[in-house]
Amino acid sequence: MYQQYFPEIKSNSVVIVYEGRLDAKSLVFIKGLLEDALDVVFVTKNYLVNCLQSSSLREILIKVMKRPKKYPAEDRLLRR
């Protein structure tokens, strides 16, 4: 699904897609990782699937992927 948006994005960001559920401990770990890696966007598989149906979620994904350094770690953790 990410590859579908890649030509439109033209970005050097790194996207990590996660298929599982995130518990509280995992969220703390991932947010810490994102604070250190400003070019990384963490996306759950469910968020990507929802992007196929929701243009607003898709716009958020593309916006964050284009300029990940502009967003704090919390905003680069896309889940739903």
PDB file of N, CA and C in Angstrom:
ATOM      1  N   MET A   1       0.823  -1.201   0.000  1.00  0.00           N
ATOM      2  CA  MET A   1       0.000   0.000   0.000  1.00  0.00           C
ATOM      3  C   MET A   1       0.862   1.257   0.000  1.00  0.00           C
ATOM      4  N   TYR A   2       1.964   1.205   0.766  1.00  0.00           N
ATOM      5  CA  TYR A   2       2.877   2.349   0.801  1.00  0.00           C
ATOM      6  C   TYR A   2       3.413   2.634  -0.588  1.00  0.00           C
ATOM      7  N   GLN A   3       3.768   1.584  -1.328  1.00  0.00           N
ATOM      8  CA  GLN A   3       4.324   1.758  -2.668  1.00  0.00           C
ATOM      9  C   GLN A   3       3.334   2.454  -3.594  1.00  0.00           C
ATOM     10  N   GLN A   4       2.072   2.290  -3.324  1.00  0.00           N
ATOM     11  CA  GLN A   4       1.042   2.938  -4.120  1.00  0.00           C
ATOM     12  C   GLN A   4       1.153   4.465  -4.020  1.00  0.00           C
ATOM     13  N   TYR A   5       1.553   4.965  -2.850  1.00  0.00           N
ATOM     14  CA  TYR A   5       1.641   6.407  -2.634  1.00  0.00           C
ATOM     15  C   TYR A   5       3.037   6.964  -2.914  1.00  0.00           C
ATOM     16  N   PHE A   6       4.035   6.118  -3.029  1.00  0.00           N
ATOM     17  CA  PHE A   6       5.416   6.563  -3.129  1.00  0.00           C
ATOM     18  C   PHE A   6       5.667   7.543  -4.281  1.00  0.00           C
ATOM     19  N   PRO A   7       5.196   7.285  -5.502  1.00  0.00           N
ATOM     20  CA  PRO A   7       5.456   8.243  -6.587  1.00  0.00           C
ATOM     21  C   PRO A   7       4.904   9.641  -6.293  1.00  0.00           C
ATOM     22  N   GLU A   8       3.790   9.703  -5.607  1.00  0.00           N
ATOM     23  CA  GLU A   8       3.174  10.989  -5.273  1.00  0.00           C
ATOM     24  C   GLU A   8       3.947  11.725  -4.187  1.00  0.00           C
ATOM     25  N   ILE A   9       4.574  10.984  -3.290  1.00  0.00           N
ATOM     26  CA  ILE A   9       5.216  11.570  -2.123  1.00  0.00           C
ATOM     27  C   ILE A   9       6.584  12.147  -2.429  1.00  0.00           C
ATOM     28  N   LYS A  10       7.391  11.417  -3.186  1.00  0.00           N
ATOM     29  CA  LYS A  10       8.745  11.858  -3.535  1.00  0.00           C
ATOM     30  C   LYS A  10       9.510  12.256  -2.276  1.00  0.00           C
ATOM     31  N   SER A  11       9.625  11.322  -1.358  1.00  0.00           N
ATOM     32  CA  SER A  11      10.213  11.604  -0.059  1.00  0.00           C
ATOM     33  C   SER A  11      11.354  10.653   0.243  1.00  0.00           C
ATOM     34  N   ASN A  12      12.226  11.085   1.153  1.00  0.00           N
ATOM     35  CA  ASN A  12      13.290  10.234   1.652  1.00  0.00           C
ATOM     36  C   ASN A  12      12.968   9.683   3.029  1.00  0.00           C
ATOM     37  N   SER A  13      11.724   9.755   3.429  1.00  0.00           N
ATOM     38  CA  SER A  13      11.337   9.251   4.752  1.00  0.00           C
ATOM     39  C   SER A  13      11.361   7.726   4.770  1.00  0.00           C
ATOM     40  N   VAL A  14      11.492   7.209   5.965  1.00  0.00           N
ATOM     41  CA  VAL A  14      11.451   5.765   6.178  1.00  0.00           C
ATOM     42  C   VAL A  14      10.119   5.459   6.849  1.00  0.00           C
ATOM     43  N   VAL A  15       9.414   4.477   6.335  1.00  0.00           N
ATOM     44  CA  VAL A  15       8.129   4.098   6.913  1.00  0.00           C
ATOM     45  C   VAL A  15       8.247   2.684   7.457  1.00  0.00           C
ATOM     46  N   ILE A  16       7.893   2.532   8.717  1.00  0.00           N
ATOM     47  CA  ILE A  16       7.829   1.226   9.348  1.00  0.00           C
ATOM     48  C   ILE A  16       6.350   0.879   9.475  1.00  0.00           C
ATOM     49  N   VAL A  17       5.956  -0.239   8.880  1.00  0.00           N
ATOM     50  CA  VAL A  17       4.568  -0.681   8.961  1.00  0.00           C
ATOM     51  C   VAL A  17       4.508  -1.847   9.934  1.00  0.00           C
ATOM     52  N   TYR A  18       3.630  -1.728  10.909  1.00  0.00           N
ATOM     53  CA  TYR A  18       3.504  -2.709  11.974  1.00  0.00           C
ATOM     54  C   TYR A  18       2.154  -3.405  11.862  1.00  0.00           C
ATOM     55  N   GLU A  19       2.146  -4.722  11.901  1.00  0.00           N
ATOM     56  CA  GLU A  19       0.902  -5.470  11.735  1.00  0.00           C
ATOM     57  C   GLU A  19       0.202  -5.814  13.035  1.00  0.00           C
ATOM     58  N   GLY A  20       0.886  -5.754  14.152  1.00  0.00           N
ATOM     59  CA  GLY A  20       0.303  -6.186  15.420  1.00  0.00           C
ATOM     60  C   GLY A  20      -0.417  -5.084  16.170  1.00  0.00           C
ATOM     61  N   ARG A  21      -0.753  -5.393  17.413  1.00  0.00           N
ATOM     62  CA  ARG A  21      -1.374  -4.408  18.306  1.00  0.00           C
ATOM     63  C   ARG A  21      -0.294  -3.776  19.160  1.00  0.00           C
ATOM     64  N   LEU A  22      -0.488  -2.537  19.501  1.00  0.00           N
ATOM     65  CA  LEU A  22       0.478  -1.816  20.318  1.00  0.00           C
ATOM     66  C   LEU A  22      -0.037  -1.695  21.746  1.00  0.00           C
ATOM     67  N   ASP A  23       0.701  -2.248  22.685  1.00  0.00           N
ATOM     68  CA  ASP A  23       0.337  -2.071  24.085  1.00  0.00           C
ATOM     69  C   ASP A  23       1.060  -0.829  24.621  1.00  0.00           C
ATOM     70  N   ALA A  24       0.780  -0.457  25.835  1.00  0.00           N
ATOM     71  CA  ALA A  24       1.338   0.764  26.422  1.00  0.00           C
ATOM     72  C   ALA A  24       2.867   0.743  26.440  1.00  0.00           C
ATOM     73  N   LYS A  25       3.440  -0.390  26.773  1.00  0.00           N
ATOM     74  CA  LYS A  25       4.903  -0.513  26.832  1.00  0.00           C
ATOM     75  C   LYS A  25       5.516  -0.333  25.439  1.00  0.00           C
ATOM     76  N   SER A  26       4.890  -0.911  24.431  1.00  0.00           N
ATOM     77  CA  SER A  26       5.370  -0.776  23.055  1.00  0.00           C
ATOM     78  C   SER A  26       5.283   0.665  22.578  1.00  0.00           C
ATOM     79  N   LEU A  27       4.211   1.344  22.936  1.00  0.00           N
ATOM     80  CA  LEU A  27       4.043   2.747  22.536  1.00  0.00           C
ATOM     81  C   LEU A  27       5.163   3.617  23.088  1.00  0.00           C
ATOM     82  N   VAL A  28       5.531   3.396  24.333  1.00  0.00           N
ATOM     83  CA  VAL A  28       6.618   4.167  24.945  1.00  0.00           C
ATOM     84  C   VAL A  28       7.920   3.912  24.186  1.00  0.00           C
ATOM     85  N   PHE A  29       8.190   2.660  23.864  1.00  0.00           N
ATOM     86  CA  PHE A  29       9.403   2.306  23.126  1.00  0.00           C
ATOM     87  C   PHE A  29       9.418   2.958  21.746  1.00  0.00           C
ATOM     88  N   ILE A  30       8.313   2.870  21.030  1.00  0.00           N
ATOM     89  CA  ILE A  30       8.249   3.414  19.672  1.00  0.00           C
ATOM     90  C   ILE A  30       8.369   4.932  19.686  1.00  0.00           C
ATOM     91  N   LYS A  31       7.713   5.590  20.613  1.00  0.00           N
ATOM     92  CA  LYS A  31       7.829   7.053  20.701  1.00  0.00           C
ATOM     93  C   LYS A  31       9.267   7.461  20.975  1.00  0.00           C
ATOM     94  N   GLY A  32       9.963   6.714  21.818  1.00  0.00           N
ATOM     95  CA  GLY A  32      11.376   6.987  22.072  1.00  0.00           C
ATOM     96  C   GLY A  32      12.214   6.824  20.816  1.00  0.00           C
ATOM     97  N   LEU A  33      11.931   5.786  20.059  1.00  0.00           N
ATOM     98  CA  LEU A  33      12.625   5.555  18.794  1.00  0.00           C
ATOM     99  C   LEU A  33      12.385   6.697  17.820  1.00  0.00           C
ATOM    100  N   LEU A  34      11.140   7.129  17.722  1.00  0.00           N
ATOM    101  CA  LEU A  34      10.804   8.213  16.800  1.00  0.00           C
ATOM    102  C   LEU A  34      11.423   9.548  17.221  1.00  0.00           C
ATOM    103  N   GLU A  35      11.609   9.754  18.502  1.00  0.00           N
ATOM    104  CA  GLU A  35      12.252  10.986  18.968  1.00  0.00           C
ATOM    105  C   GLU A  35      13.705  11.050  18.503  1.00  0.00           C
ATOM    106  N   ASP A  36      14.350   9.901  18.372  1.00  0.00           N
ATOM    107  CA  ASP A  36      15.742   9.839  17.929  1.00  0.00           C
ATOM    108  C   ASP A  36      15.884   9.763  16.418  1.00  0.00           C
ATOM    109  N   ALA A  37      14.876   9.275  15.731  1.00  0.00           N
ATOM    110  CA  ALA A  37      14.937   9.070  14.280  1.00  0.00           C
ATOM    111  C   ALA A  37      13.901   9.971  13.609  1.00  0.00           C
ATOM    112  N   LEU A  38      14.321  11.165  13.268  1.00  0.00           N
ATOM    113  CA  LEU A  38      13.388  12.186  12.784  1.00  0.00           C
ATOM    114  C   LEU A  38      12.830  11.927  11.393  1.00  0.00           C
ATOM    115  N   ASP A  39      13.442  11.041  10.629  1.00  0.00           N
ATOM    116  CA  ASP A  39      12.958  10.726   9.279  1.00  0.00           C
ATOM    117  C   ASP A  39      12.033   9.511   9.254  1.00  0.00           C
ATOM    118  N   VAL A  40      11.768   8.922  10.408  1.00  0.00           N
ATOM    119  CA  VAL A  40      10.987   7.697  10.471  1.00  0.00           C
ATOM    120  C   VAL A  40       9.527   8.003  10.797  1.00  0.00           C
ATOM    121  N   VAL A  41       8.634   7.326  10.061  1.00  0.00           N
ATOM    122  CA  VAL A  41       7.201   7.383  10.309  1.00  0.00           C
ATOM    123  C   VAL A  41       6.764   5.960  10.629  1.00  0.00           C
ATOM    124  N   PHE A  42       6.053   5.780  11.721  1.00  0.00           N
ATOM    125  CA  PHE A  42       5.584   4.466  12.156  1.00  0.00           C
ATOM    126  C   PHE A  42       4.093   4.388  11.871  1.00  0.00           C
ATOM    127  N   VAL A  43       3.693   3.395  11.100  1.00  0.00           N
ATOM    128  CA  VAL A  43       2.304   3.266  10.665  1.00  0.00           C
ATOM    129  C   VAL A  43       1.819   1.855  10.945  1.00  0.00           C
ATOM    130  N   THR A  44       0.627   1.738  11.489  1.00  0.00           N
ATOM    131  CA  THR A  44       0.070   0.398  11.661  1.00  0.00           C
ATOM    132  C   THR A  44      -0.592  -0.031  10.350  1.00  0.00           C
ATOM    133  N   LYS A  45      -0.653  -1.336  10.167  1.00  0.00           N
ATOM    134  CA  LYS A  45      -1.294  -1.877   8.964  1.00  0.00           C
ATOM    135  C   LYS A  45      -2.751  -1.425   8.897  1.00  0.00           C
ATOM    136  N   ASN A  46      -3.426  -1.400  10.031  1.00  0.00           N
ATOM    137  CA  ASN A  46      -4.829  -0.953  10.051  1.00  0.00           C
ATOM    138  C   ASN A  46      -4.963   0.482   9.564  1.00  0.00           C
ATOM    139  N   TYR A  47      -4.007   1.337   9.923  1.00  0.00           N
ATOM    140  CA  TYR A  47      -4.058   2.722   9.453  1.00  0.00           C
ATOM    141  C   TYR A  47      -3.954   2.759   7.930  1.00  0.00           C
ATOM    142  N   LEU A  48      -3.036   1.969   7.376  1.00  0.00           N
ATOM    143  CA  LEU A  48      -2.896   1.922   5.920  1.00  0.00           C
ATOM    144  C   LEU A  48      -4.171   1.423   5.248  1.00  0.00           C
ATOM    145  N   VAL A  49      -4.762   0.396   5.811  1.00  0.00           N
ATOM    146  CA  VAL A  49      -6.009  -0.125   5.252  1.00  0.00           C
ATOM    147  C   VAL A  49      -7.091   0.956   5.307  1.00  0.00           C
ATOM    148  N   ASN A  50      -7.173   1.669   6.414  1.00  0.00           N
ATOM    149  CA  ASN A  50      -8.163   2.743   6.545  1.00  0.00           C
ATOM    150  C   ASN A  50      -7.896   3.889   5.576  1.00  0.00           C
ATOM    151  N   CYS A  51      -6.641   4.080   5.189  1.00  0.00           N
ATOM    152  CA  CYS A  51      -6.308   5.122   4.211  1.00  0.00           C
ATOM    153  C   CYS A  51      -6.950   4.862   2.856  1.00  0.00           C
ATOM    154  N   LEU A  52      -7.185   3.609   2.549  1.00  0.00           N
ATOM    155  CA  LEU A  52      -7.822   3.271   1.272  1.00  0.00           C
ATOM    156  C   LEU A  52      -9.247   3.798   1.211  1.00  0.00           C
ATOM    157  N   GLN A  53      -9.899   3.914   2.363  1.00  0.00           N
ATOM    158  CA  GLN A  53     -11.287   4.360   2.428  1.00  0.00           C
ATOM    159  C   GLN A  53     -11.446   5.820   2.822  1.00  0.00           C
ATOM    160  N   SER A  54     -10.447   6.359   3.515  1.00  0.00           N
ATOM    161  CA  SER A  54     -10.573   7.710   4.067  1.00  0.00           C
ATOM    162  C   SER A  54      -9.547   8.658   3.457  1.00  0.00           C
ATOM    163  N   SER A  55     -10.029   9.616   2.713  1.00  0.00           N
ATOM    164  CA  SER A  55      -9.109  10.584   2.092  1.00  0.00           C
ATOM    165  C   SER A  55      -8.422  11.459   3.144  1.00  0.00           C
ATOM    166  N   SER A  56      -9.087  11.723   4.271  1.00  0.00           N
ATOM    167  CA  SER A  56      -8.463  12.555   5.306  1.00  0.00           C
ATOM    168  C   SER A  56      -7.280  11.831   5.951  1.00  0.00           C
ATOM    169  N   LEU A  57      -7.419  10.525   6.211  1.00  0.00           N
ATOM    170  CA  LEU A  57      -6.294   9.762   6.757  1.00  0.00           C
ATOM    171  C   LEU A  57      -5.164   9.672   5.740  1.00  0.00           C
ATOM    172  N   ARG A  58      -5.513   9.478   4.492  1.00  0.00           N
ATOM    173  CA  ARG A  58      -4.519   9.410   3.428  1.00  0.00           C
ATOM    174  C   ARG A  58      -3.750  10.721   3.314  1.00  0.00           C
ATOM    175  N   GLU A  59      -4.439  11.843   3.428  1.00  0.00           N
ATOM    176  CA  GLU A  59      -3.789  13.155   3.375  1.00  0.00           C
ATOM    177  C   GLU A  59      -2.807  13.327   4.532  1.00  0.00           C
ATOM    178  N   ILE A  60      -3.193  12.883   5.712  1.00  0.00           N
ATOM    179  CA  ILE A  60      -2.296  12.959   6.871  1.00  0.00           C
ATOM    180  C   ILE A  60      -1.052  12.127   6.624  1.00  0.00           C
ATOM    181  N   LEU A  61      -1.243  10.896   6.158  1.00  0.00           N
ATOM    182  CA  LEU A  61      -0.113  10.010   5.874  1.00  0.00           C
ATOM    183  C   LEU A  61       0.855  10.653   4.886  1.00  0.00           C
ATOM    184  N   ILE A  62       0.337  11.162   3.799  1.00  0.00           N
ATOM    185  CA  ILE A  62       1.188  11.766   2.764  1.00  0.00           C
ATOM    186  C   ILE A  62       1.887  13.001   3.292  1.00  0.00           C
ATOM    187  N   LYS A  63       1.169  13.832   4.027  1.00  0.00           N
ATOM    188  CA  LYS A  63       1.749  15.051   4.583  1.00  0.00           C
ATOM    189  C   LYS A  63       2.908  14.730   5.525  1.00  0.00           C
ATOM    190  N   VAL A  64       2.724  13.753   6.396  1.00  0.00           N
ATOM    191  CA  VAL A  64       3.764  13.389   7.360  1.00  0.00           C
ATOM    192  C   VAL A  64       4.950  12.730   6.650  1.00  0.00           C
ATOM    193  N   MET A  65       4.670  11.899   5.663  1.00  0.00           N
ATOM    194  CA  MET A  65       5.742  11.228   4.943  1.00  0.00           C
ATOM    195  C   MET A  65       6.588  12.202   4.123  1.00  0.00           C
ATOM    196  N   LYS A  66       5.985  13.245   3.625  1.00  0.00           N
ATOM    197  CA  LYS A  66       6.724  14.224   2.822  1.00  0.00           C
ATOM    198  C   LYS A  66       7.711  15.027   3.667  1.00  0.00           C
ATOM    199  N   ARG A  67       7.316  15.366   4.881  1.00  0.00           N
ATOM    200  CA  ARG A  67       8.156  16.209   5.744  1.00  0.00           C
ATOM    201  C   ARG A  67       8.141  15.687   7.177  1.00  0.00           C
ATOM    202  N   PRO A  68       8.692  14.515   7.411  1.00  0.00           N
ATOM    203  CA  PRO A  68       8.609  13.919   8.751  1.00  0.00           C
ATOM    204  C   PRO A  68       9.304  14.732   9.842  1.00  0.00           C
ATOM    205  N   LYS A  69      10.377  15.428   9.494  1.00  0.00           N
ATOM    206  CA  LYS A  69      11.109  16.202  10.506  1.00  0.00           C
ATOM    207  C   LYS A  69      10.284  17.351  11.059  1.00  0.00           C
ATOM    208  N   LYS A  70       9.268  17.743  10.348  1.00  0.00           N
ATOM    209  CA  LYS A  70       8.405  18.847  10.770  1.00  0.00           C
ATOM    210  C   LYS A  70       7.495  18.443  11.942  1.00  0.00           C
ATOM    211  N   TYR A  71       7.300  17.130  12.122  1.00  0.00           N
ATOM    212  CA  TYR A  71       6.324  16.639  13.098  1.00  0.00           C
ATOM    213  C   TYR A  71       6.999  16.002  14.306  1.00  0.00           C
ATOM    214  N   PRO A  72       6.430  16.208  15.488  1.00  0.00           N
ATOM    215  CA  PRO A  72       6.967  15.541  16.678  1.00  0.00           C
ATOM    216  C   PRO A  72       6.713  14.042  16.597  1.00  0.00           C
ATOM    217  N   ALA A  73       7.406  13.313  17.431  1.00  0.00           N
ATOM    218  CA  ALA A  73       7.322  11.846  17.426  1.00  0.00           C
ATOM    219  C   ALA A  73       5.877  11.357  17.499  1.00  0.00           C
ATOM    220  N   GLU A  74       5.094  11.936  18.360  1.00  0.00           N
ATOM    221  CA  GLU A  74       3.694  11.517  18.541  1.00  0.00           C
ATOM    222  C   GLU A  74       2.902  11.601  17.232  1.00  0.00           C
ATOM    223  N   ASP A  75       3.178  12.613  16.422  1.00  0.00           N
ATOM    224  CA  ASP A  75       2.447  12.793  15.169  1.00  0.00           C
ATOM    225  C   ASP A  75       2.981  11.914  14.040  1.00  0.00           C
ATOM    226  N   ARG A  76       4.139  11.299  14.250  1.00  0.00           N
ATOM    227  CA  ARG A  76       4.678  10.363  13.260  1.00  0.00           C
ATOM    228  C   ARG A  76       4.349   8.919  13.605  1.00  0.00           C
ATOM    229  N   LEU A  77       3.533   8.728  14.608  1.00  0.00           N
ATOM    230  CA  LEU A  77       3.018   7.416  14.993  1.00  0.00           C
ATOM    231  C   LEU A  77       1.549   7.376  14.547  1.00  0.00           C
ATOM    232  N   LEU A  78       1.320   6.806  13.388  1.00  0.00           N
ATOM    233  CA  LEU A  78      -0.011   6.804  12.797  1.00  0.00           C
ATOM    234  C   LEU A  78      -0.654   5.447  13.047  1.00  0.00           C
ATOM    235  N   ARG A  79      -1.723   5.469  13.818  1.00  0.00           N
ATOM    236  CA  ARG A  79      -2.422   4.222  14.156  1.00  0.00           C
ATOM    237  C   ARG A  79      -3.907   4.505  14.266  1.00  0.00           C
ATOM    238  N   ARG A  80      -4.686   3.489  13.996  1.00  0.00           N
ATOM    239  CA  ARG A  80      -6.129   3.627  14.107  1.00  0.00           C
ATOM    240  C   ARG A  80      -6.774   2.298  13.924  1.00  0.00           C
TER     241      ARG A  80
END
